[in-house]
PDB file of N, CA and C in Angstrom:
ATOM      1  N   MET A   1       0.845  -1.162   0.000  1.00  0.00           N
ATOM      2  CA  MET A   1       0.000   0.000   0.000  1.00  0.00           C
ATOM      3  C   MET A   1       0.895   1.231   0.000  1.00  0.00           C
ATOM      4  N   PHE A   2       0.508   2.250  -0.759  1.00  0.00           N
ATOM      5  CA  PHE A   2       1.261   3.492  -0.848  1.00  0.00           C
ATOM      6  C   PHE A   2       0.437   4.635  -0.303  1.00  0.00           C
ATOM      7  N   LEU A   3       1.084   5.529   0.407  1.00  0.00           N
ATOM      8  CA  LEU A   3       0.441   6.736   0.905  1.00  0.00           C
ATOM      9  C   LEU A   3       0.926   7.891   0.055  1.00  0.00           C
ATOM     10  N   VAL A   4      -0.001   8.616  -0.519  1.00  0.00           N
ATOM     11  CA  VAL A   4       0.346   9.757  -1.353  1.00  0.00           C
ATOM     12  C   VAL A   4      -0.133  11.015  -0.659  1.00  0.00           C
ATOM     13  N   ILE A   5       0.798  11.918  -0.419  1.00  0.00           N
ATOM     14  CA  ILE A   5       0.463  13.202   0.179  1.00  0.00           C
ATOM     15  C   ILE A   5       0.719  14.262  -0.872  1.00  0.00           C
ATOM     16  N   SER A   6      -0.268  15.079  -1.109  1.00  0.00           N
ATOM     17  CA  SER A   6      -0.104  16.127  -2.106  1.00  0.00           C
ATOM     18  C   SER A   6      -0.765  17.406  -1.639  1.00  0.00           C
ATOM     19  N   ALA A   7      -0.295  18.498  -2.162  1.00  0.00           N
ATOM     20  CA  ALA A   7      -0.944  19.781  -1.885  1.00  0.00           C
ATOM     21  C   ALA A   7      -2.175  19.862  -2.769  1.00  0.00           C
ATOM     22  N   CYS A   8      -3.300  20.087  -2.172  1.00  0.00           N
ATOM     23  CA  CYS A   8      -4.551  20.094  -2.926  1.00  0.00           C
ATOM     24  C   CYS A   8      -4.965  21.490  -3.351  1.00  0.00           C
ATOM     25  N   SER A   9      -4.073  22.431  -3.160  1.00  0.00           N
ATOM     26  CA  SER A   9      -4.419  23.798  -3.532  1.00  0.00           C
ATOM     27  C   SER A   9      -4.382  23.957  -5.044  1.00  0.00           C
ATOM     28  N   VAL A  10      -5.097  24.943  -5.495  1.00  0.00           N
ATOM     29  CA  VAL A  10      -5.123  25.244  -6.917  1.00  0.00           C
ATOM     30  C   VAL A  10      -4.656  26.679  -7.088  1.00  0.00           C
ATOM     31  N   GLY A  11      -3.512  26.849  -7.707  1.00  0.00           N
ATOM     32  CA  GLY A  11      -3.012  28.186  -8.006  1.00  0.00           C
ATOM     33  C   GLY A  11      -2.668  29.014  -6.795  1.00  0.00           C
ATOM     34  N   ARG A  12      -2.513  30.279  -7.070  1.00  0.00           N
ATOM     35  CA  ARG A  12      -2.163  31.247  -6.038  1.00  0.00           C
ATOM     36  C   ARG A  12      -3.421  31.905  -5.483  1.00  0.00           C
ATOM     37  N   PRO A  13      -3.409  32.219  -4.195  1.00  0.00           N
ATOM     38  CA  PRO A  13      -4.519  32.996  -3.654  1.00  0.00           C
ATOM     39  C   PRO A  13      -4.539  34.385  -4.297  1.00  0.00           C
ATOM     40  N   ALA A  14      -5.687  35.026  -4.280  1.00  0.00           N
ATOM     41  CA  ALA A  14      -5.785  36.402  -4.787  1.00  0.00           C
ATOM     42  C   ALA A  14      -4.810  37.285  -4.017  1.00  0.00           C
ATOM     43  N   ASP A  15      -4.253  38.272  -4.692  1.00  0.00           N
ATOM     44  CA  ASP A  15      -3.279  39.165  -4.062  1.00  0.00           C
ATOM     45  C   ASP A  15      -3.821  39.789  -2.791  1.00  0.00           C
ATOM     46  N   ASP A  16      -5.110  40.090  -2.757  1.00  0.00           N
ATOM     47  CA  ASP A  16      -5.702  40.751  -1.599  1.00  0.00           C
ATOM     48  C   ASP A  16      -6.436  39.785  -0.661  1.00  0.00           C
ATOM     49  N   ALA A  17      -6.218  38.488  -0.829  1.00  0.00           N
ATOM     50  CA  ALA A  17      -6.886  37.501   0.031  1.00  0.00           C
ATOM     51  C   ALA A  17      -6.481  37.711   1.485  1.00  0.00           C
ATOM     52  N   ASP A  18      -7.456  37.581   2.383  1.00  0.00           N
ATOM     53  CA  ASP A  18      -7.114  37.687   3.801  1.00  0.00           C
ATOM     54  C   ASP A  18      -6.590  36.330   4.283  1.00  0.00           C
ATOM     55  N   GLY A  19      -6.125  36.310   5.526  1.00  0.00           N
ATOM     56  CA  GLY A  19      -5.520  35.094   6.066  1.00  0.00           C
ATOM     57  C   GLY A  19      -6.446  33.900   6.064  1.00  0.00           C
ATOM     58  N   ASP A  20      -7.716  34.124   6.395  1.00  0.00           N
ATOM     59  CA  ASP A  20      -8.698  33.043   6.392  1.00  0.00           C
ATOM     60  C   ASP A  20      -8.870  32.468   4.990  1.00  0.00           C
ATOM     61  N   GLU A  21      -8.956  33.327   3.998  1.00  0.00           N
ATOM     62  CA  GLU A  21      -9.109  32.862   2.608  1.00  0.00           C
ATOM     63  C   GLU A  21      -7.876  32.072   2.166  1.00  0.00           C
ATOM     64  N   ILE A  22      -6.710  32.554   2.520  1.00  0.00           N
ATOM     65  CA  ILE A  22      -5.475  31.850   2.161  1.00  0.00           C
ATOM     66  C   ILE A  22      -5.444  30.484   2.842  1.00  0.00           C
ATOM     67  N   TYR A  23      -5.776  30.448   4.127  1.00  0.00           N
ATOM     68  CA  TYR A  23      -5.803  29.178   4.849  1.00  0.00           C
ATOM     69  C   TYR A  23      -6.767  28.206   4.184  1.00  0.00           C
ATOM     70  N   ARG A  24      -7.963  28.666   3.863  1.00  0.00           N
ATOM     71  CA  ARG A  24      -8.970  27.780   3.267  1.00  0.00           C
ATOM     72  C   ARG A  24      -8.540  27.266   1.889  1.00  0.00           C
ATOM     73  N   GLN A  25      -7.790  28.067   1.143  1.00  0.00           N
ATOM     74  CA  GLN A  25      -7.353  27.637  -0.179  1.00  0.00           C
ATOM     75  C   GLN A  25      -6.153  26.694  -0.111  1.00  0.00           C
ATOM     76  N   LEU A  26      -5.200  26.982   0.768  1.00  0.00           N
ATOM     77  CA  LEU A  26      -3.941  26.239   0.746  1.00  0.00           C
ATOM     78  C   LEU A  26      -3.762  25.223   1.871  1.00  0.00           C
ATOM     79  N   CYS A  27      -4.433  25.395   2.987  1.00  0.00           N
ATOM     80  CA  CYS A  27      -4.080  24.638   4.184  1.00  0.00           C
ATOM     81  C   CYS A  27      -5.158  23.686   4.706  1.00  0.00           C
ATOM     82  N   VAL A  28      -6.419  24.037   4.456  1.00  0.00           N
ATOM     83  CA  VAL A  28      -7.524  23.326   5.085  1.00  0.00           C
ATOM     84  C   VAL A  28      -7.546  21.833   4.745  1.00  0.00           C
ATOM     85  N   SER A  29      -7.131  21.454   3.564  1.00  0.00           N
ATOM     86  CA  SER A  29      -7.218  20.042   3.174  1.00  0.00           C
ATOM     87  C   SER A  29      -6.298  19.154   4.015  1.00  0.00           C
ATOM     88  N   CYS A  30      -5.248  19.709   4.566  1.00  0.00           N
ATOM     89  CA  CYS A  30      -4.335  18.916   5.404  1.00  0.00           C
ATOM     90  C   CYS A  30      -4.456  19.227   6.890  1.00  0.00           C
ATOM     91  N   HIS A  31      -4.763  20.476   7.235  1.00  0.00           N
ATOM     92  CA  HIS A  31      -4.766  20.886   8.635  1.00  0.00           C
ATOM     93  C   HIS A  31      -6.164  21.060   9.223  1.00  0.00           C
ATOM     94  N   GLY A  32      -7.201  20.841   8.415  1.00  0.00           N
ATOM     95  CA  GLY A  32      -8.573  20.873   8.894  1.00  0.00           C
ATOM     96  C   GLY A  32      -9.186  22.257   8.950  1.00  0.00           C
ATOM     97  N   ALA A  33     -10.498  22.306   8.771  1.00  0.00           N
ATOM     98  CA  ALA A  33     -11.223  23.572   8.763  1.00  0.00           C
ATOM     99  C   ALA A  33     -11.121  24.293  10.098  1.00  0.00           C
ATOM    100  N   ASP A  34     -10.981  23.531  11.175  1.00  0.00           N
ATOM    101  CA  ASP A  34     -10.887  24.124  12.509  1.00  0.00           C
ATOM    102  C   ASP A  34      -9.464  24.080  13.063  1.00  0.00           C
ATOM    103  N   LEU A  35      -8.485  23.854  12.203  1.00  0.00           N
ATOM    104  CA  LEU A  35      -7.065  23.784  12.542  1.00  0.00           C
ATOM    105  C   LEU A  35      -6.738  22.616  13.465  1.00  0.00           C
ATOM    106  N   SER A  36      -7.608  21.603  13.508  1.00  0.00           N
ATOM    107  CA  SER A  36      -7.412  20.467  14.414  1.00  0.00           C
ATOM    108  C   SER A  36      -6.506  19.386  13.844  1.00  0.00           C
ATOM    109  N   GLY A  37      -6.071  19.544  12.608  1.00  0.00           N
ATOM    110  CA  GLY A  37      -5.179  18.568  12.000  1.00  0.00           C
ATOM    111  C   GLY A  37      -5.926  17.542  11.183  1.00  0.00           C
ATOM    112  N   GLY A  38      -5.191  16.649  10.629  1.00  0.00           N
ATOM    113  CA  GLY A  38      -5.706  15.597   9.748  1.00  0.00           C
ATOM    114  C   GLY A  38      -4.497  14.917   9.158  1.00  0.00           C
ATOM    115  N   ILE A  39      -4.261  15.137   7.877  1.00  0.00           N
ATOM    116  CA  ILE A  39      -3.022  14.662   7.251  1.00  0.00           C
ATOM    117  C   ILE A  39      -1.842  15.399   7.875  1.00  0.00           C
ATOM    118  N   GLY A  40      -2.019  16.706   8.062  1.00  0.00           N
ATOM    119  CA  GLY A  40      -1.005  17.530   8.702  1.00  0.00           C
ATOM    120  C   GLY A  40      -1.326  17.705  10.181  1.00  0.00           C
ATOM    121  N   PRO A  41      -0.361  18.192  10.940  1.00  0.00           N
ATOM    122  CA  PRO A  41      -0.579  18.350  12.382  1.00  0.00           C
ATOM    123  C   PRO A  41      -1.561  19.472  12.710  1.00  0.00           C
ATOM    124  N   PRO A  42      -2.088  19.470  13.927  1.00  0.00           N
ATOM    125  CA  PRO A  42      -2.951  20.561  14.368  1.00  0.00           C
ATOM    126  C   PRO A  42      -2.177  21.882  14.375  1.00  0.00           C
ATOM    127  N   LEU A  43      -2.892  22.965  14.119  1.00  0.00           N
ATOM    128  CA  LEU A  43      -2.286  24.299  14.124  1.00  0.00           C
ATOM    129  C   LEU A  43      -2.963  25.233  15.106  1.00  0.00           C
ATOM    130  N   GLY A  44      -4.053  24.792  15.724  1.00  0.00           N
ATOM    131  CA  GLY A  44      -4.872  25.666  16.554  1.00  0.00           C
ATOM    132  C   GLY A  44      -4.377  25.827  17.978  1.00  0.00           C
ATOM    133  N   HIS A  45      -5.257  26.354  18.810  1.00  0.00           N
ATOM    134  CA  HIS A  45      -4.994  26.620  20.218  1.00  0.00           C
ATOM    135  C   HIS A  45      -4.440  25.378  20.907  1.00  0.00           C
ATOM    136  N   GLY A  46      -3.350  25.521  21.640  1.00  0.00           N
ATOM    137  CA  GLY A  46      -2.760  24.415  22.380  1.00  0.00           C
ATOM    138  C   GLY A  46      -1.861  23.503  21.561  1.00  0.00           C
ATOM    139  N   SER A  47      -1.778  23.726  20.266  1.00  0.00           N
ATOM    140  CA  SER A  47      -0.943  22.869  19.414  1.00  0.00           C
ATOM    141  C   SER A  47       0.537  23.232  19.547  1.00  0.00           C
ATOM    142  N   ASN A  48       1.385  22.339  19.090  1.00  0.00           N
ATOM    143  CA  ASN A  48       2.813  22.624  19.034  1.00  0.00           C
ATOM    144  C   ASN A  48       3.079  23.861  18.178  1.00  0.00           C
ATOM    145  N   ALA A  49       2.343  24.023  17.102  1.00  0.00           N
ATOM    146  CA  ALA A  49       2.523  25.181  16.216  1.00  0.00           C
ATOM    147  C   ALA A  49       2.260  26.489  16.956  1.00  0.00           C
ATOM    148  N   ALA A  50       1.325  26.477  17.890  1.00  0.00           N
ATOM    149  CA  ALA A  50       0.993  27.682  18.640  1.00  0.00           C
ATOM    150  C   ALA A  50       2.137  28.109  19.557  1.00  0.00           C
ATOM    151  N   ARG A  51       3.016  27.166  19.900  1.00  0.00           N
ATOM    152  CA  ARG A  51       4.142  27.471  20.777  1.00  0.00           C
ATOM    153  C   ARG A  51       5.405  27.869  20.014  1.00  0.00           C
ATOM    154  N   GLN A  52       5.368  27.775  18.700  1.00  0.00           N
ATOM    155  CA  GLN A  52       6.541  28.096  17.880  1.00  0.00           C
ATOM    156  C   GLN A  52       6.574  29.584  17.544  1.00  0.00           C
ATOM    157  N   PRO A  53       7.771  30.128  17.328  1.00  0.00           N
ATOM    158  CA  PRO A  53       7.855  31.537  16.908  1.00  0.00           C
ATOM    159  C   PRO A  53       7.343  31.713  15.477  1.00  0.00           C
ATOM    160  N   ASP A  54       6.967  32.936  15.154  1.00  0.00           N
ATOM    161  CA  ASP A  54       6.485  33.242  13.802  1.00  0.00           C
ATOM    162  C   ASP A  54       7.477  32.784  12.741  1.00  0.00           C
ATOM    163  N   GLU A  55       8.753  32.954  13.009  1.00  0.00           N
ATOM    164  CA  GLU A  55       9.785  32.589  12.031  1.00  0.00           C
ATOM    165  C   GLU A  55       9.731  31.102  11.682  1.00  0.00           C
ATOM    166  N   PHE A  56       9.404  30.261  12.651  1.00  0.00           N
ATOM    167  CA  PHE A  56       9.274  28.835  12.386  1.00  0.00           C
ATOM    168  C   PHE A  56       8.104  28.566  11.448  1.00  0.00           C
ATOM    169  N   LEU A  57       6.950  29.199  11.741  1.00  0.00           N
ATOM    170  CA  LEU A  57       5.787  29.015  10.870  1.00  0.00           C
ATOM    171  C   LEU A  57       6.079  29.518   9.466  1.00  0.00           C
ATOM    172  N   GLU A  58       6.705  30.681   9.365  1.00  0.00           N
ATOM    173  CA  GLU A  58       7.039  31.256   8.058  1.00  0.00           C
ATOM    174  C   GLU A  58       7.956  30.316   7.279  1.00  0.00           C
ATOM    175  N   PHE A  59       8.969  29.765   7.948  1.00  0.00           N
ATOM    176  CA  PHE A  59       9.880  28.834   7.284  1.00  0.00           C
ATOM    177  C   PHE A  59       9.133  27.588   6.821  1.00  0.00           C
ATOM    178  N   ALA A  60       8.321  27.008   7.710  1.00  0.00           N
ATOM    179  CA  ALA A  60       7.595  25.783   7.358  1.00  0.00           C
ATOM    180  C   ALA A  60       6.669  26.009   6.173  1.00  0.00           C
ATOM    181  N   ILE A  61       5.998  27.149   6.150  1.00  0.00           N
ATOM    182  CA  ILE A  61       5.061  27.452   5.059  1.00  0.00           C
ATOM    183  C   ILE A  61       5.807  27.686   3.748  1.00  0.00           C
ATOM    184  N   MET A  62       6.841  28.469   3.796  1.00  0.00           N
ATOM    185  CA  MET A  62       7.531  28.849   2.556  1.00  0.00           C
ATOM    186  C   MET A  62       8.481  27.773   2.037  1.00  0.00           C
ATOM    187  N   MET A  63       9.138  27.039   2.930  1.00  0.00           N
ATOM    188  CA  MET A  63      10.139  26.069   2.506  1.00  0.00           C
ATOM    189  C   MET A  63       9.637  24.631   2.534  1.00  0.00           C
ATOM    190  N   GLY A  64       8.570  24.400   3.265  1.00  0.00           N
ATOM    191  CA  GLY A  64       8.096  23.037   3.457  1.00  0.00           C
ATOM    192  C   GLY A  64       8.828  22.433   4.641  1.00  0.00           C
ATOM    193  N   LEU A  65       8.242  21.433   5.229  1.00  0.00           N
ATOM    194  CA  LEU A  65       8.838  20.804   6.405  1.00  0.00           C
ATOM    195  C   LEU A  65       8.310  19.383   6.477  1.00  0.00           C
ATOM    196  N   GLY A  66       9.202  18.413   6.516  1.00  0.00           N
ATOM    197  CA  GLY A  66       8.772  17.019   6.513  1.00  0.00           C
ATOM    198  C   GLY A  66       8.005  16.726   5.230  1.00  0.00           C
ATOM    199  N   SER A  67       6.778  16.233   5.354  1.00  0.00           N
ATOM    200  CA  SER A  67       5.973  15.927   4.169  1.00  0.00           C
ATOM    201  C   SER A  67       5.173  17.129   3.669  1.00  0.00           C
ATOM    202  N   MET A  68       5.277  18.246   4.370  1.00  0.00           N
ATOM    203  CA  MET A  68       4.559  19.453   3.939  1.00  0.00           C
ATOM    204  C   MET A  68       5.288  20.092   2.760  1.00  0.00           C
ATOM    205  N   PRO A  69       4.549  20.426   1.707  1.00  0.00           N
ATOM    206  CA  PRO A  69       5.191  21.053   0.541  1.00  0.00           C
ATOM    207  C   PRO A  69       5.520  22.523   0.802  1.00  0.00           C
ATOM    208  N   SER A  70       6.379  23.052  -0.015  1.00  0.00           N
ATOM    209  CA  SER A  70       6.708  24.474   0.015  1.00  0.00           C
ATOM    210  C   SER A  70       5.608  25.275  -0.675  1.00  0.00           C
ATOM    211  N   PHE A  71       5.286  26.434  -0.106  1.00  0.00           N
ATOM    212  CA  PHE A  71       4.317  27.327  -0.725  1.00  0.00           C
ATOM    213  C   PHE A  71       4.981  28.627  -1.188  1.00  0.00           C
ATOM    214  N   SER A  72       6.290  28.578  -1.389  1.00  0.00           N
ATOM    215  CA  SER A  72       7.015  29.785  -1.802  1.00  0.00           C
ATOM    216  C   SER A  72       6.598  30.267  -3.188  1.00  0.00           C
ATOM    217  N   SER A  73       6.110  29.379  -4.015  1.00  0.00           N
ATOM    218  CA  SER A  73       5.656  29.809  -5.344  1.00  0.00           C
ATOM    219  C   SER A  73       4.179  30.222  -5.333  1.00  0.00           C
ATOM    220  N   SER A  74       3.516  30.054  -4.203  1.00  0.00           N
ATOM    221  CA  SER A  74       2.099  30.394  -4.100  1.00  0.00           C
ATOM    222  C   SER A  74       1.826  31.659  -3.308  1.00  0.00           C
ATOM    223  N   LEU A  75       2.758  32.058  -2.458  1.00  0.00           N
ATOM    224  CA  LEU A  75       2.529  33.182  -1.555  1.00  0.00           C
ATOM    225  C   LEU A  75       3.612  34.239  -1.684  1.00  0.00           C
ATOM    226  N   ASP A  76       3.209  35.489  -1.598  1.00  0.00           N
ATOM    227  CA  ASP A  76       4.208  36.549  -1.484  1.00  0.00           C
ATOM    228  C   ASP A  76       4.349  36.899   0.000  1.00  0.00           C
ATOM    229  N   GLU A  77       5.232  37.805   0.323  1.00  0.00           N
ATOM    230  CA  GLU A  77       5.524  38.159   1.710  1.00  0.00           C
ATOM    231  C   GLU A  77       4.291  38.682   2.456  1.00  0.00           C
ATOM    232  N   HIS A  78       3.485  39.487   1.788  1.00  0.00           N
ATOM    233  CA  HIS A  78       2.294  40.058   2.424  1.00  0.00           C
ATOM    234  C   HIS A  78       1.243  38.981   2.700  1.00  0.00           C
ATOM    235  N   GLN A  79       1.069  38.060   1.767  1.00  0.00           N
ATOM    236  CA  GLN A  79       0.123  36.964   1.973  1.00  0.00           C
ATOM    237  C   GLN A  79       0.598  36.069   3.119  1.00  0.00           C
ATOM    238  N   LEU A  80       1.899  35.812   3.166  1.00  0.00           N
ATOM    239  CA  LEU A  80       2.463  35.014   4.250  1.00  0.00           C
ATOM    240  C   LEU A  80       2.183  35.682   5.596  1.00  0.00           C
ATOM    241  N   ASP A  81       2.404  36.982   5.674  1.00  0.00           N
ATOM    242  CA  ASP A  81       2.131  37.721   6.916  1.00  0.00           C
ATOM    243  C   ASP A  81       0.666  37.597   7.315  1.00  0.00           C
ATOM    244  N   ARG A  82      -0.244  37.718   6.357  1.00  0.00           N
ATOM    245  CA  ARG A  82      -1.676  37.617   6.657  1.00  0.00           C
ATOM    246  C   ARG A  82      -2.046  36.208   7.122  1.00  0.00           C
ATOM    247  N   LEU A  83      -1.423  35.203   6.521  1.00  0.00           N
ATOM    248  CA  LEU A  83      -1.682  33.825   6.918  1.00  0.00           C
ATOM    249  C   LEU A  83      -1.197  33.573   8.341  1.00  0.00           C
ATOM    250  N   VAL A  84       0.009  33.989   8.662  1.00  0.00           N
ATOM    251  CA  VAL A  84       0.538  33.795  10.014  1.00  0.00           C
ATOM    252  C   VAL A  84      -0.298  34.586  11.022  1.00  0.00           C
ATOM    253  N   ASP A  85      -0.687  35.808  10.687  1.00  0.00           N
ATOM    254  CA  ASP A  85      -1.555  36.593  11.573  1.00  0.00           C
ATOM    255  C   ASP A  85      -2.869  35.862  11.831  1.00  0.00           C
ATOM    256  N   TYR A  86      -3.445  35.272  10.785  1.00  0.00           N
ATOM    257  CA  TYR A  86      -4.681  34.504  10.935  1.00  0.00           C
ATOM    258  C   TYR A  86      -4.467  33.323  11.886  1.00  0.00           C
ATOM    259  N   LEU A  87      -3.383  32.574  11.686  1.00  0.00           N
ATOM    260  CA  LEU A  87      -3.103  31.438  12.561  1.00  0.00           C
ATOM    261  C   LEU A  87      -2.971  31.887  14.009  1.00  0.00           C
ATOM    262  N   ARG A  88      -2.267  32.974  14.240  1.00  0.00           N
ATOM    263  CA  ARG A  88      -2.081  33.484  15.612  1.00  0.00           C
ATOM    264  C   ARG A  88      -3.417  33.895  16.245  1.00  0.00           C
ATOM    265  N   GLU A  89      -4.283  34.509  15.478  1.00  0.00           N
ATOM    266  CA  GLU A  89      -5.602  34.881  16.005  1.00  0.00           C
ATOM    267  C   GLU A  89      -6.391  33.635  16.380  1.00  0.00           C
ATOM    268  N   GLU A  90      -6.370  32.639  15.517  1.00  0.00           N
ATOM    269  CA  GLU A  90      -7.112  31.402  15.781  1.00  0.00           C
ATOM    270  C   GLU A  90      -6.512  30.635  16.954  1.00  0.00           C
ATOM    271  N   GLN A  91      -5.218  30.735  17.151  1.00  0.00           N
ATOM    272  CA  GLN A  91      -4.551  30.001  18.222  1.00  0.00           C
ATOM    273  C   GLN A  91      -4.849  30.575  19.595  1.00  0.00           C
ATOM    274  N   LYS A  92      -5.383  31.779  19.650  1.00  0.00           N
ATOM    275  CA  LYS A  92      -5.716  32.390  20.946  1.00  0.00           C
ATOM    276  C   LYS A  92      -6.854  31.652  21.635  1.00  0.00           C
ATOM    277  N   GLY A  93      -7.606  30.891  20.843  1.00  0.00           N
ATOM    278  CA  GLY A  93      -8.683  30.079  21.391  1.00  0.00           C
ATOM    279  C   GLY A  93      -9.832  30.852  21.751  1.00  0.00           C
TER     280      GLY A  93
END
């Protein structure tokens, strides 16, 4: 049996997409609609991701980490900032 992990996103988010829109387009298929995890680890309140510095999240998103793909060709710096800001807001619980 083979396990195939792939990024299910389609294209780049709109230039003016907010963090929630970016998350729903690029992240929800692996990390869940409520950030509780699935294929990928949980990202919400109380998760290991919530305890990491912003720089760690930025690196993981842009460069990929483990089985997570890189999103450097999908996000610009401003979109990345909005995505991390969204994650931090959601992690407050």
